[in-house]
N, C-alpha and C. Protein backbone atom coordinates (compact mmCIF):
# COMPACT_ATOMS: atom_id res chain seq x y z
N UNK A 1 -86.20 -57.28 -79.22
CA UNK A 1 -85.46 -57.21 -77.78
C UNK A 1 -86.48 -58.08 -77.27
N UNK A 2 -85.86 -58.92 -76.37
CA UNK A 2 -86.47 -60.22 -75.38
C UNK A 2 -86.74 -59.16 -74.14
N UNK A 3 -87.90 -59.97 -73.96
CA UNK A 3 -88.90 -59.33 -72.70
C UNK A 3 -88.66 -60.12 -71.72
N UNK A 4 -87.52 -59.66 -70.87
CA UNK A 4 -87.23 -60.53 -69.41
C UNK A 4 -87.90 -60.04 -68.36
N UNK A 5 -88.95 -60.56 -67.67
CA UNK A 5 -89.43 -60.30 -66.59
C UNK A 5 -88.53 -60.33 -65.56
N UNK A 6 -89.00 -59.41 -64.44
CA UNK A 6 -88.21 -59.47 -63.18
C UNK A 6 -89.22 -60.50 -62.06
N UNK A 7 -88.74 -61.74 -61.48
CA UNK A 7 -88.97 -62.58 -60.90
C UNK A 7 -89.23 -62.17 -58.97
N UNK A 8 -90.21 -61.91 -58.66
CA UNK A 8 -90.50 -61.55 -57.26
C UNK A 8 -89.97 -62.97 -56.51
N UNK A 9 -90.09 -62.52 -55.21
CA UNK A 9 -90.02 -63.60 -54.01
C UNK A 9 -91.40 -64.29 -54.06
N UNK A 10 -92.58 -63.75 -53.87
CA UNK A 10 -93.75 -64.32 -54.07
C UNK A 10 -93.93 -65.56 -55.37
N UNK A 11 -93.30 -65.11 -56.63
CA UNK A 11 -93.36 -66.11 -57.67
C UNK A 11 -92.40 -67.29 -57.13
N UNK A 12 -91.10 -67.10 -56.73
CA UNK A 12 -90.47 -67.88 -56.31
C UNK A 12 -91.13 -68.93 -55.15
N UNK A 13 -91.84 -68.33 -54.61
CA UNK A 13 -92.14 -69.19 -53.26
C UNK A 13 -93.57 -69.99 -53.81
N UNK A 14 -94.20 -69.71 -55.13
CA UNK A 14 -95.41 -70.46 -55.36
C UNK A 14 -94.71 -71.63 -56.47
N UNK A 15 -93.30 -71.30 -56.93
CA UNK A 15 -93.24 -72.03 -57.83
C UNK A 15 -92.61 -73.12 -56.91
N UNK A 16 -91.90 -72.66 -55.95
CA UNK A 16 -90.97 -73.90 -55.17
C UNK A 16 -91.87 -75.00 -54.40
N UNK A 17 -93.22 -74.24 -54.24
CA UNK A 17 -94.21 -74.82 -53.63
C UNK A 17 -94.91 -75.96 -54.67
N UNK A 18 -95.16 -75.48 -55.67
CA UNK A 18 -95.44 -76.29 -56.88
C UNK A 18 -94.60 -77.46 -57.01
N UNK A 19 -93.49 -77.25 -57.15
CA UNK A 19 -92.43 -78.13 -57.49
C UNK A 19 -92.54 -79.53 -56.29
N UNK A 20 -92.67 -78.99 -54.93
CA UNK A 20 -92.78 -79.93 -53.93
C UNK A 20 -93.87 -80.68 -54.47
N UNK A 21 -95.01 -80.33 -54.72
CA UNK A 21 -96.30 -80.83 -55.10
C UNK A 21 -95.90 -82.04 -56.07
N UNK A 22 -95.20 -81.65 -57.08
CA UNK A 22 -94.77 -82.35 -58.09
C UNK A 22 -93.82 -83.42 -57.75
N UNK A 23 -93.04 -83.10 -56.80
CA UNK A 23 -91.92 -84.12 -56.72
C UNK A 23 -92.35 -85.36 -55.64
N UNK A 24 -93.50 -84.71 -55.31
CA UNK A 24 -94.33 -85.70 -54.41
C UNK A 24 -95.41 -86.61 -54.82
N UNK A 25 -95.65 -86.33 -56.00
CA UNK A 25 -96.77 -86.79 -56.82
C UNK A 25 -96.47 -88.36 -57.02
N UNK A 26 -97.51 -89.11 -56.69
CA UNK A 26 -97.55 -90.51 -57.25
C UNK A 26 -98.88 -91.22 -57.81
N UNK A 27 -99.25 -90.01 -58.82
CA UNK A 27 -100.14 -90.46 -59.51
C UNK A 27 -100.16 -91.84 -60.57
N UNK A 28 -98.91 -91.81 -60.88
CA UNK A 28 -98.65 -93.01 -61.82
C UNK A 28 -98.09 -94.28 -61.20
N UNK A 29 -98.02 -94.09 -59.85
CA UNK A 29 -97.17 -95.02 -59.06
C UNK A 29 -97.33 -96.64 -59.32
N UNK A 30 -98.67 -96.83 -59.28
CA UNK A 30 -99.05 -98.52 -59.62
C UNK A 30 -98.58 -98.81 -61.05
N UNK A 31 -98.13 -98.01 -62.27
CA UNK A 31 -97.74 -98.22 -63.41
C UNK A 31 -96.18 -98.40 -63.41
N UNK A 32 -95.52 -98.00 -62.44
CA UNK A 32 -93.86 -97.79 -62.63
C UNK A 32 -93.52 -98.73 -61.61
N UNK A 33 -92.70 -99.81 -62.36
CA UNK A 33 -92.16 -100.52 -61.59
C UNK A 33 -91.04 -100.25 -60.87
N UNK A 34 -90.24 -99.34 -61.37
CA UNK A 34 -89.01 -98.83 -60.67
C UNK A 34 -89.22 -97.80 -59.93
N UNK A 35 -90.43 -97.55 -59.66
CA UNK A 35 -90.92 -96.35 -58.67
C UNK A 35 -91.09 -95.22 -59.22
N UNK A 36 -91.16 -94.31 -58.06
CA UNK A 36 -91.68 -92.69 -58.50
C UNK A 36 -90.51 -92.01 -58.30
N UNK A 37 -90.06 -91.18 -59.20
CA UNK A 37 -88.95 -90.22 -59.10
C UNK A 37 -89.21 -89.34 -60.14
N UNK A 38 -90.15 -88.33 -59.99
CA UNK A 38 -89.93 -87.07 -60.93
C UNK A 38 -88.87 -86.55 -61.13
N UNK A 39 -88.31 -86.22 -62.46
CA UNK A 39 -87.27 -85.28 -62.92
C UNK A 39 -87.34 -84.27 -63.65
N UNK A 40 -87.19 -82.83 -63.06
CA UNK A 40 -87.57 -81.90 -64.18
C UNK A 40 -86.45 -80.60 -63.66
N UNK A 41 -86.48 -79.94 -64.32
CA UNK A 41 -85.81 -78.54 -63.63
C UNK A 41 -86.70 -77.13 -63.97
N UNK A 42 -87.11 -76.38 -63.29
CA UNK A 42 -87.96 -75.40 -63.47
C UNK A 42 -87.57 -74.01 -62.58
N UNK A 43 -87.72 -73.07 -63.09
CA UNK A 43 -87.40 -71.79 -62.48
C UNK A 43 -88.12 -70.68 -63.05
N UNK A 44 -88.88 -70.07 -62.47
CA UNK A 44 -89.67 -68.81 -62.95
C UNK A 44 -88.40 -67.81 -64.13
N UNK A 45 -87.38 -67.91 -63.56
CA UNK A 45 -86.41 -67.19 -64.51
C UNK A 45 -85.89 -67.75 -65.82
N UNK A 46 -86.10 -69.18 -65.96
CA UNK A 46 -85.60 -69.94 -67.16
C UNK A 46 -85.88 -69.03 -68.45
N UNK A 47 -85.06 -69.08 -69.65
CA UNK A 47 -85.53 -68.47 -70.64
C UNK A 47 -85.44 -69.41 -71.90
N UNK A 48 -84.99 -70.89 -71.64
CA UNK A 48 -85.19 -71.78 -72.61
C UNK A 48 -85.79 -73.12 -72.06
N UNK A 49 -86.87 -73.52 -72.70
CA UNK A 49 -87.47 -74.81 -72.06
C UNK A 49 -87.32 -76.13 -72.86
N UNK A 50 -86.76 -77.05 -72.19
CA UNK A 50 -86.49 -78.22 -73.23
C UNK A 50 -87.62 -78.92 -72.88
N UNK A 51 -88.43 -79.52 -73.59
CA UNK A 51 -89.84 -80.28 -73.69
C UNK A 51 -89.41 -81.74 -74.15
N UNK A 52 -88.99 -82.58 -73.30
CA UNK A 52 -88.64 -83.83 -73.75
C UNK A 52 -89.66 -84.75 -73.73
N UNK A 53 -89.40 -86.07 -73.53
CA UNK A 53 -90.32 -87.17 -73.46
C UNK A 53 -90.55 -87.77 -72.01
N UNK A 54 -89.39 -88.61 -71.49
CA UNK A 54 -89.51 -89.09 -70.18
C UNK A 54 -88.05 -89.30 -69.88
N UNK A 55 -88.02 -89.46 -68.62
CA UNK A 55 -86.35 -89.55 -68.08
C UNK A 55 -86.04 -91.26 -68.83
N UNK A 56 -84.98 -91.81 -68.99
CA UNK A 56 -84.40 -93.15 -69.42
C UNK A 56 -84.07 -93.62 -67.79
N UNK A 57 -83.77 -94.74 -68.06
CA UNK A 57 -83.01 -95.37 -66.81
C UNK A 57 -81.90 -94.63 -66.00
N UNK A 58 -80.99 -94.19 -66.74
CA UNK A 58 -79.69 -93.59 -65.86
C UNK A 58 -80.27 -92.49 -65.40
N UNK A 59 -80.83 -91.81 -66.01
CA UNK A 59 -81.58 -90.34 -65.31
C UNK A 59 -82.41 -90.46 -64.24
N UNK A 60 -83.25 -91.77 -64.15
CA UNK A 60 -83.90 -92.07 -63.11
C UNK A 60 -83.28 -92.45 -62.11
N UNK A 61 -81.81 -92.75 -62.42
CA UNK A 61 -80.78 -93.69 -61.23
C UNK A 61 -80.42 -92.21 -60.54
N UNK A 62 -79.99 -91.29 -61.41
CA UNK A 62 -79.14 -90.20 -60.98
C UNK A 62 -80.22 -89.12 -60.52
N UNK A 63 -81.13 -88.57 -61.00
CA UNK A 63 -82.32 -87.90 -60.57
C UNK A 63 -81.92 -86.43 -61.38
N UNK A 64 -80.55 -86.70 -62.65
CA UNK A 64 -80.51 -85.51 -62.97
C UNK A 64 -81.15 -85.53 -64.47
N UNK A 65 -81.77 -84.79 -65.09
CA UNK A 65 -82.27 -84.69 -66.20
C UNK A 65 -81.09 -84.43 -67.49
N UNK A 66 -81.16 -85.27 -68.31
CA UNK A 66 -80.28 -85.75 -69.59
C UNK A 66 -78.97 -86.02 -69.12
N UNK A 67 -78.84 -86.74 -68.20
CA UNK A 67 -77.22 -86.98 -67.51
C UNK A 67 -77.14 -88.45 -68.37
N UNK A 68 -76.91 -88.23 -69.40
CA UNK A 68 -76.73 -89.30 -70.25
C UNK A 68 -76.11 -88.94 -71.77
N UNK A 69 -76.18 -89.78 -72.62
CA UNK A 69 -75.46 -89.49 -74.02
C UNK A 69 -76.37 -88.47 -74.69
N UNK A 70 -77.52 -88.82 -74.63
CA UNK A 70 -78.69 -87.58 -75.13
C UNK A 70 -78.55 -86.51 -74.64
N UNK A 71 -78.16 -86.28 -73.52
CA UNK A 71 -77.97 -84.86 -73.06
C UNK A 71 -76.92 -84.34 -73.39
N UNK A 72 -75.72 -85.12 -73.85
CA UNK A 72 -74.37 -84.69 -74.31
C UNK A 72 -74.42 -84.15 -75.86
N UNK A 73 -75.06 -85.07 -76.45
CA UNK A 73 -75.61 -84.54 -77.68
C UNK A 73 -76.50 -83.32 -77.72
N UNK A 74 -77.29 -83.29 -76.91
CA UNK A 74 -78.33 -82.16 -77.04
C UNK A 74 -77.56 -80.62 -76.70
N UNK A 75 -76.53 -81.13 -75.50
CA UNK A 75 -75.69 -79.56 -75.05
C UNK A 75 -74.84 -79.36 -76.32
N UNK A 76 -74.65 -80.23 -77.38
CA UNK A 76 -73.61 -79.86 -78.47
C UNK A 76 -74.58 -79.46 -79.16
N UNK A 77 -75.62 -79.99 -79.46
CA UNK A 77 -76.54 -79.20 -80.34
C UNK A 77 -76.83 -77.58 -80.06
N UNK A 78 -77.06 -77.57 -78.70
CA UNK A 78 -77.32 -76.14 -78.18
C UNK A 78 -75.95 -75.13 -78.07
N UNK A 79 -74.91 -75.79 -78.32
CA UNK A 79 -73.74 -74.80 -78.10
C UNK A 79 -73.55 -74.62 -76.65
N UNK A 80 -73.83 -75.21 -75.76
CA UNK A 80 -73.61 -74.81 -74.47
C UNK A 80 -72.92 -75.96 -73.46
N UNK A 81 -72.10 -75.57 -72.17
CA UNK A 81 -71.43 -76.39 -71.55
C UNK A 81 -72.57 -77.02 -70.52
N UNK A 82 -71.94 -77.97 -69.63
CA UNK A 82 -73.02 -78.55 -68.89
C UNK A 82 -73.26 -77.58 -67.66
N UNK A 83 -72.51 -76.82 -67.49
CA UNK A 83 -73.35 -75.59 -66.23
C UNK A 83 -74.01 -75.16 -66.81
N UNK A 84 -73.94 -74.57 -67.81
CA UNK A 84 -75.23 -73.60 -68.13
C UNK A 84 -76.51 -74.26 -68.41
N UNK A 85 -76.48 -75.54 -68.63
CA UNK A 85 -77.25 -76.43 -69.32
C UNK A 85 -78.18 -76.84 -67.78
N UNK A 86 -77.22 -76.90 -66.83
CA UNK A 86 -78.14 -77.39 -65.24
C UNK A 86 -78.39 -75.59 -64.46
N UNK A 87 -78.25 -74.89 -64.94
CA UNK A 87 -78.39 -73.56 -64.67
C UNK A 87 -80.05 -73.28 -64.47
N UNK A 88 -80.65 -73.52 -63.67
CA UNK A 88 -82.04 -73.58 -63.71
C UNK A 88 -82.77 -72.12 -63.88
N UNK A 89 -81.99 -71.00 -63.85
CA UNK A 89 -82.24 -69.62 -63.99
C UNK A 89 -82.14 -69.59 -65.59
N UNK A 90 -81.42 -70.46 -66.31
CA UNK A 90 -81.04 -70.22 -67.77
C UNK A 90 -82.24 -70.90 -68.27
N UNK A 91 -82.16 -72.53 -68.04
CA UNK A 91 -82.65 -73.70 -69.05
C UNK A 91 -83.74 -74.31 -67.74
N UNK A 92 -84.87 -74.68 -68.69
CA UNK A 92 -86.08 -75.40 -67.82
C UNK A 92 -85.86 -76.78 -68.66
N UNK A 93 -85.89 -77.56 -67.77
CA UNK A 93 -86.27 -79.34 -68.25
C UNK A 93 -87.93 -79.46 -67.88
N UNK A 94 -88.53 -79.67 -68.71
CA UNK A 94 -89.77 -80.22 -68.44
C UNK A 94 -90.27 -81.50 -69.77
N UNK A 95 -89.94 -82.66 -69.14
CA UNK A 95 -90.44 -83.72 -69.95
C UNK A 95 -92.09 -83.98 -69.99
N UNK A 96 -92.52 -84.76 -70.98
CA UNK A 96 -94.19 -85.17 -71.09
C UNK A 96 -94.35 -86.14 -69.59
N UNK A 97 -93.37 -86.67 -69.39
CA UNK A 97 -93.69 -87.28 -68.08
C UNK A 97 -92.31 -87.61 -67.31
N UNK A 98 -92.71 -87.44 -65.99
CA UNK A 98 -91.49 -86.91 -65.17
C UNK A 98 -91.01 -87.95 -64.67
N UNK A 99 -91.25 -89.43 -64.34
CA UNK A 99 -90.81 -90.24 -64.31
C UNK A 99 -90.50 -91.47 -65.26
N UNK A 100 -89.36 -92.36 -64.85
CA UNK A 100 -89.13 -93.14 -65.93
C UNK A 100 -90.17 -94.36 -66.03
N UNK A 101 -90.77 -94.32 -67.30
CA UNK A 101 -91.99 -95.11 -67.50
C UNK A 101 -91.54 -96.89 -67.52
N UNK A 102 -90.40 -97.21 -67.69
CA UNK A 102 -89.75 -98.66 -67.57
C UNK A 102 -89.68 -98.94 -69.27
N UNK A 103 -89.23 -100.16 -69.65
CA UNK A 103 -88.97 -100.62 -70.51
C UNK A 103 -89.94 -101.67 -71.12
N UNK A 104 -90.23 -101.46 -72.54
CA UNK A 104 -91.04 -102.31 -73.42
C UNK A 104 -90.46 -103.27 -74.12
N UNK A 105 -90.89 -103.83 -75.17
CA UNK A 105 -90.32 -104.72 -76.14
C UNK A 105 -89.22 -104.08 -76.94
N UNK A 106 -89.53 -102.90 -77.46
CA UNK A 106 -88.84 -102.03 -78.40
C UNK A 106 -87.97 -100.84 -77.87
N UNK A 107 -87.81 -101.05 -76.42
CA UNK A 107 -86.99 -99.78 -75.84
C UNK A 107 -88.00 -99.53 -74.84
N UNK A 108 -87.49 -97.92 -74.14
CA UNK A 108 -88.23 -97.41 -73.18
C UNK A 108 -89.68 -97.05 -73.53
N UNK A 109 -90.70 -97.42 -72.90
CA UNK A 109 -92.01 -97.19 -72.59
C UNK A 109 -92.50 -95.54 -72.88
N UNK A 110 -93.40 -95.31 -73.46
CA UNK A 110 -93.96 -93.65 -73.66
C UNK A 110 -94.02 -93.08 -72.31
N UNK A 111 -94.12 -91.92 -72.30
CA UNK A 111 -94.30 -91.02 -71.32
C UNK A 111 -96.01 -91.58 -70.70
N UNK A 112 -95.73 -91.90 -69.13
CA UNK A 112 -97.00 -91.94 -68.66
C UNK A 112 -98.16 -90.80 -68.96
N UNK A 113 -99.58 -91.25 -69.56
CA UNK A 113 -100.26 -90.36 -70.12
C UNK A 113 -100.94 -89.22 -69.01
N UNK A 114 -101.04 -89.90 -67.85
CA UNK A 114 -101.58 -89.13 -66.90
C UNK A 114 -100.56 -87.89 -66.24
N UNK A 115 -99.42 -87.77 -66.62
CA UNK A 115 -98.68 -86.77 -65.87
C UNK A 115 -98.80 -85.49 -66.71
N UNK A 116 -98.83 -85.26 -67.62
CA UNK A 116 -98.95 -84.07 -68.62
C UNK A 116 -100.32 -83.20 -68.08
N UNK A 117 -101.20 -84.03 -68.08
CA UNK A 117 -102.82 -83.33 -67.95
C UNK A 117 -102.43 -82.70 -66.40
N UNK A 118 -101.90 -83.36 -65.41
CA UNK A 118 -102.02 -83.13 -64.36
C UNK A 118 -101.11 -82.06 -63.96
N UNK A 119 -99.93 -81.54 -64.65
CA UNK A 119 -99.34 -81.02 -64.18
C UNK A 119 -98.44 -79.64 -65.11
N UNK A 120 -98.64 -80.20 -66.39
CA UNK A 120 -97.98 -78.93 -67.45
C UNK A 120 -98.60 -77.73 -67.46
N UNK A 121 -99.58 -77.47 -67.66
CA UNK A 121 -100.31 -75.98 -67.67
C UNK A 121 -99.56 -75.31 -66.24
N UNK A 122 -99.86 -75.78 -65.28
CA UNK A 122 -99.44 -75.15 -64.28
C UNK A 122 -97.78 -75.04 -64.18
N UNK A 123 -97.11 -75.61 -64.52
CA UNK A 123 -95.70 -75.41 -64.59
C UNK A 123 -95.15 -74.67 -65.61
N UNK A 124 -96.04 -74.60 -66.80
CA UNK A 124 -95.65 -73.63 -68.05
C UNK A 124 -96.09 -72.60 -67.62
N UNK A 125 -97.30 -72.14 -66.97
CA UNK A 125 -97.27 -70.98 -66.26
C UNK A 125 -96.67 -70.02 -65.52
N UNK A 126 -95.84 -71.09 -64.68
CA UNK A 126 -95.22 -70.64 -63.58
C UNK A 126 -93.81 -70.16 -64.26
N UNK A 127 -93.45 -70.08 -65.39
CA UNK A 127 -92.30 -69.91 -66.15
C UNK A 127 -92.42 -68.58 -67.34
N UNK A 128 -92.45 -67.33 -67.12
CA UNK A 128 -92.99 -66.38 -67.87
C UNK A 128 -92.11 -65.81 -68.49
N UNK A 129 -90.87 -66.27 -68.45
CA UNK A 129 -89.50 -65.59 -69.10
C UNK A 129 -89.08 -66.97 -70.46
N UNK A 130 -89.83 -67.73 -70.63
CA UNK A 130 -89.48 -68.62 -71.60
C UNK A 130 -89.31 -68.24 -73.11
N UNK A 131 -88.49 -68.08 -73.82
CA UNK A 131 -88.25 -67.30 -75.05
C UNK A 131 -88.37 -68.40 -76.25
N UNK A 132 -87.64 -69.52 -76.16
CA UNK A 132 -87.48 -70.54 -76.97
C UNK A 132 -88.01 -72.09 -76.22
N UNK A 133 -88.89 -72.85 -77.12
CA UNK A 133 -89.23 -74.12 -76.34
C UNK A 133 -88.62 -75.18 -77.37
N UNK A 134 -87.95 -76.14 -77.12
CA UNK A 134 -87.31 -76.83 -77.78
C UNK A 134 -88.44 -78.41 -77.51
N UNK A 135 -89.06 -78.77 -78.88
CA UNK A 135 -89.73 -80.08 -78.83
C UNK A 135 -89.07 -81.09 -79.21
N UNK A 136 -89.01 -81.81 -78.21
CA UNK A 136 -88.00 -83.22 -78.45
C UNK A 136 -88.93 -84.41 -78.56
N UNK A 137 -89.00 -84.69 -79.81
CA UNK A 137 -89.90 -86.03 -79.64
C UNK A 137 -90.98 -85.75 -80.11
N UNK A 138 -92.16 -86.85 -80.67
CA UNK A 138 -93.29 -86.86 -81.07
C UNK A 138 -94.40 -86.34 -79.71
N UNK A 139 -94.02 -86.80 -78.69
CA UNK A 139 -95.07 -86.39 -77.61
C UNK A 139 -95.15 -85.17 -77.13
N UNK A 140 -94.07 -84.59 -77.43
CA UNK A 140 -93.49 -83.13 -77.33
C UNK A 140 -94.50 -82.22 -78.02
N UNK A 141 -93.96 -82.65 -79.13
CA UNK A 141 -94.59 -82.15 -80.50
C UNK A 141 -95.94 -82.03 -80.55
N UNK A 142 -96.59 -83.51 -80.56
CA UNK A 142 -98.09 -83.15 -80.11
C UNK A 142 -98.80 -82.33 -79.25
N UNK A 143 -98.34 -82.32 -77.95
CA UNK A 143 -98.86 -81.33 -77.00
C UNK A 143 -98.50 -80.00 -77.45
N UNK A 144 -97.74 -79.41 -77.83
CA UNK A 144 -97.20 -78.04 -78.12
C UNK A 144 -97.94 -77.38 -79.51
N UNK A 145 -98.01 -78.13 -80.61
CA UNK A 145 -97.90 -77.92 -81.81
C UNK A 145 -99.64 -78.42 -81.96
N UNK A 146 -99.88 -79.50 -81.61
CA UNK A 146 -101.30 -79.93 -81.92
C UNK A 146 -101.73 -80.40 -83.15
N UNK A 147 -102.73 -79.54 -83.63
CA UNK A 147 -103.31 -80.17 -85.33
C UNK A 147 -101.76 -79.51 -86.24
N UNK A 148 -101.15 -78.70 -85.83
CA UNK A 148 -100.02 -78.21 -86.89
C UNK A 148 -99.05 -79.22 -87.07
N UNK A 149 -98.78 -80.51 -86.43
CA UNK A 149 -97.92 -81.47 -86.65
C UNK A 149 -97.83 -82.06 -87.67
N UNK A 150 -97.19 -82.56 -88.44
CA UNK A 150 -97.14 -82.99 -89.58
C UNK A 150 -97.45 -84.69 -89.43
N UNK A 151 -97.54 -85.25 -90.26
CA UNK A 151 -97.91 -87.03 -90.39
C UNK A 151 -97.02 -87.93 -89.86
N UNK A 152 -95.79 -87.28 -89.74
CA UNK A 152 -94.09 -87.85 -89.48
C UNK A 152 -93.45 -86.73 -88.61
N UNK A 153 -92.70 -87.55 -87.88
CA UNK A 153 -91.82 -86.82 -87.00
C UNK A 153 -91.06 -85.76 -87.95
N UNK A 154 -90.34 -86.69 -88.81
CA UNK A 154 -89.34 -85.89 -89.75
C UNK A 154 -90.14 -84.50 -90.60
N UNK A 155 -91.13 -84.90 -91.08
CA UNK A 155 -91.92 -83.79 -91.71
C UNK A 155 -91.93 -82.37 -90.64
N UNK A 156 -92.64 -83.07 -89.61
CA UNK A 156 -92.72 -81.88 -88.68
C UNK A 156 -91.25 -81.00 -88.42
N UNK A 157 -90.33 -81.79 -88.28
CA UNK A 157 -89.06 -81.43 -87.87
C UNK A 157 -88.47 -80.67 -89.41
N UNK A 158 -88.84 -80.85 -90.27
CA UNK A 158 -88.40 -80.25 -91.74
C UNK A 158 -89.16 -79.07 -91.80
N UNK A 159 -90.59 -78.76 -91.30
CA UNK A 159 -91.36 -77.87 -91.30
C UNK A 159 -90.80 -76.71 -90.17
N UNK A 160 -89.85 -76.78 -89.57
CA UNK A 160 -89.53 -75.65 -88.47
C UNK A 160 -90.09 -74.30 -88.81
N UNK A 161 -89.65 -73.88 -90.18
CA UNK A 161 -89.83 -72.66 -90.27
C UNK A 161 -91.38 -71.93 -90.25
N UNK A 162 -92.05 -72.97 -90.44
CA UNK A 162 -93.54 -72.90 -90.35
C UNK A 162 -94.06 -72.50 -89.13
N UNK A 163 -93.66 -72.74 -88.10
CA UNK A 163 -94.12 -72.77 -86.77
C UNK A 163 -93.50 -71.50 -86.42
N UNK A 164 -94.29 -70.82 -84.76
CA UNK A 164 -93.73 -69.73 -84.42
C UNK A 164 -92.55 -69.91 -83.95
N UNK A 165 -92.08 -68.86 -84.12
CA UNK A 165 -90.34 -68.99 -83.79
C UNK A 165 -90.02 -69.44 -82.63
N UNK A 166 -90.70 -69.09 -81.51
CA UNK A 166 -90.76 -69.65 -80.07
C UNK A 166 -90.67 -71.17 -79.98
N UNK A 167 -91.08 -71.90 -80.89
CA UNK A 167 -91.25 -73.26 -80.66
C UNK A 167 -90.38 -73.75 -81.88
N UNK A 168 -89.32 -74.86 -81.46
CA UNK A 168 -88.69 -75.51 -82.45
C UNK A 168 -88.74 -76.97 -82.19
N UNK A 169 -89.29 -78.16 -83.36
CA UNK A 169 -89.43 -79.00 -83.00
C UNK A 169 -88.23 -79.63 -83.31
N UNK A 170 -87.68 -80.81 -82.95
CA UNK A 170 -86.37 -81.65 -82.97
C UNK A 170 -86.57 -83.01 -82.79
N UNK A 171 -85.50 -83.88 -83.65
CA UNK A 171 -85.67 -85.37 -83.21
C UNK A 171 -85.08 -85.37 -81.78
N UNK A 172 -85.26 -86.60 -81.29
CA UNK A 172 -84.51 -87.03 -79.97
C UNK A 172 -83.01 -87.24 -80.18
N UNK A 173 -82.15 -86.54 -79.27
CA UNK A 173 -80.67 -86.48 -79.60
C UNK A 173 -80.44 -87.91 -78.84
N UNK A 174 -81.15 -88.95 -78.96
CA UNK A 174 -80.47 -90.37 -78.27
C UNK A 174 -79.68 -90.98 -79.31
N UNK A 175 -78.74 -91.70 -78.97
CA UNK A 175 -77.94 -92.56 -80.27
C UNK A 175 -78.88 -93.19 -80.90
N UNK A 176 -79.63 -93.58 -80.10
CA UNK A 176 -81.01 -94.72 -81.39
C UNK A 176 -81.26 -94.00 -82.48
N UNK A 177 -80.96 -92.48 -82.54
CA UNK A 177 -81.47 -91.76 -83.68
C UNK A 177 -80.03 -91.61 -84.75
N UNK A 178 -79.17 -92.03 -84.66
CA UNK A 178 -78.19 -92.05 -85.42
C UNK A 178 -78.00 -92.22 -86.82
N UNK A 179 -78.99 -93.38 -87.21
CA UNK A 179 -79.30 -93.40 -88.70
C UNK A 179 -80.42 -92.35 -89.01
N UNK A 180 -81.26 -91.98 -88.39
CA UNK A 180 -82.12 -90.84 -88.90
C UNK A 180 -81.48 -89.80 -88.94
N UNK A 181 -80.34 -89.27 -88.03
CA UNK A 181 -79.62 -87.94 -88.63
C UNK A 181 -78.63 -88.21 -89.71
N UNK A 182 -78.22 -89.38 -90.04
CA UNK A 182 -77.49 -89.83 -91.16
C UNK A 182 -78.34 -89.45 -92.46
N UNK A 183 -79.42 -90.12 -92.57
CA UNK A 183 -80.77 -90.06 -93.56
C UNK A 183 -81.02 -88.61 -93.90
N UNK A 184 -81.10 -87.47 -92.71
CA UNK A 184 -81.47 -86.23 -92.64
C UNK A 184 -80.39 -85.41 -92.65
N UNK A 185 -79.42 -85.13 -93.32
CA UNK A 185 -78.25 -84.17 -93.39
C UNK A 185 -78.82 -82.68 -93.36
N UNK A 186 -79.64 -82.38 -94.00
CA UNK A 186 -80.46 -80.90 -93.67
C UNK A 186 -80.49 -80.37 -92.46
N UNK A 187 -80.77 -81.39 -91.30
CA UNK A 187 -80.97 -81.24 -89.91
C UNK A 187 -79.95 -80.52 -89.39
N UNK A 188 -78.57 -81.20 -89.67
CA UNK A 188 -77.24 -80.71 -89.30
C UNK A 188 -76.84 -79.42 -90.09
N UNK A 189 -77.30 -79.03 -91.43
CA UNK A 189 -76.79 -78.26 -92.12
C UNK A 189 -77.72 -76.93 -91.97
N UNK A 190 -78.93 -76.95 -91.67
CA UNK A 190 -79.93 -76.12 -91.69
C UNK A 190 -80.58 -75.55 -90.22
N UNK A 191 -80.60 -76.66 -89.49
CA UNK A 191 -81.71 -76.54 -88.12
C UNK A 191 -80.32 -76.04 -86.81
N UNK A 192 -79.34 -77.06 -86.96
CA UNK A 192 -78.42 -76.94 -85.68
C UNK A 192 -77.88 -75.56 -85.53
N UNK A 193 -77.17 -75.06 -87.01
CA UNK A 193 -76.80 -73.44 -86.72
C UNK A 193 -77.69 -72.56 -86.10
N UNK A 194 -79.02 -72.66 -86.82
CA UNK A 194 -79.93 -71.67 -86.56
C UNK A 194 -80.33 -71.84 -84.48
N UNK A 195 -80.46 -73.45 -84.30
CA UNK A 195 -80.40 -73.43 -83.21
C UNK A 195 -79.63 -72.88 -81.87
N UNK A 196 -78.13 -73.23 -82.46
CA UNK A 196 -77.25 -72.90 -81.70
C UNK A 196 -77.30 -71.18 -81.54
N UNK A 197 -77.12 -70.50 -82.56
CA UNK A 197 -77.28 -68.83 -82.57
C UNK A 197 -78.28 -68.47 -81.89
N UNK A 198 -79.84 -69.11 -81.86
CA UNK A 198 -80.93 -68.46 -81.17
C UNK A 198 -80.55 -68.67 -79.90
N UNK A 199 -79.96 -70.04 -79.21
CA UNK A 199 -79.63 -70.44 -77.73
C UNK A 199 -78.74 -68.90 -77.49
N UNK A 200 -77.75 -68.98 -78.12
CA UNK A 200 -76.99 -67.58 -77.71
C UNK A 200 -77.45 -66.49 -77.49
N UNK A 201 -78.08 -65.85 -78.50
CA UNK A 201 -78.65 -64.74 -78.61
C UNK A 201 -79.65 -64.66 -77.21
N UNK A 202 -80.47 -65.55 -77.07
CA UNK A 202 -81.38 -65.82 -75.71
C UNK A 202 -80.62 -65.71 -74.27
N UNK A 203 -79.58 -66.51 -74.15
CA UNK A 203 -78.82 -66.48 -73.08
C UNK A 203 -77.87 -65.32 -72.74
N UNK A 204 -77.44 -64.64 -73.94
CA UNK A 204 -76.33 -63.38 -73.62
C UNK A 204 -77.46 -62.00 -73.68
N UNK A 205 -78.90 -62.11 -73.79
CA UNK A 205 -79.32 -61.30 -73.38
C UNK A 205 -79.56 -60.46 -72.08
N UNK A 206 -79.70 -59.23 -71.61
CA UNK A 206 -79.68 -58.76 -70.50
C UNK A 206 -81.22 -58.34 -70.25
């Protein structure tokens, strides 16, 4: 049975105050050519946490997390609709870097390294009801799994059964990963049905 804690008004006020601090953060401003715009979704009532990498350009423009093709695929993987995905009382979205890092020679740059050490532990502590954390991509897996990570992302995702049942490593749902998905059919046959079932069980719990 899931242990879902009642959220007090004090907790809500503290979380909202913390979010105001995060959204006014300019720690990485000098490195962000497109400007500062932290994008995240956090509530102490949330039951599922999506630990991603960093917003892409479209998300930077809209200010809505996973408001792109990656988000469409992720919602499909989870078996939930857009309304559920953006219900902060159910789903939290906390990337390793909150702002769009810009583009490099081979795609988007990695999350700024200053972000997670500055804010992540405080925000995670503000969400006592998280039952499942989806670790999307290598940066989130490195942070949450540490030395338990395998040498490659593919090996880490393939070893999902060996980790705490509250932590699930996933590849990024970006269309850029279509080749990876085609080469690793076990992900679709073994991991995704389990993911959808877990998400349903957690969100249906009272």
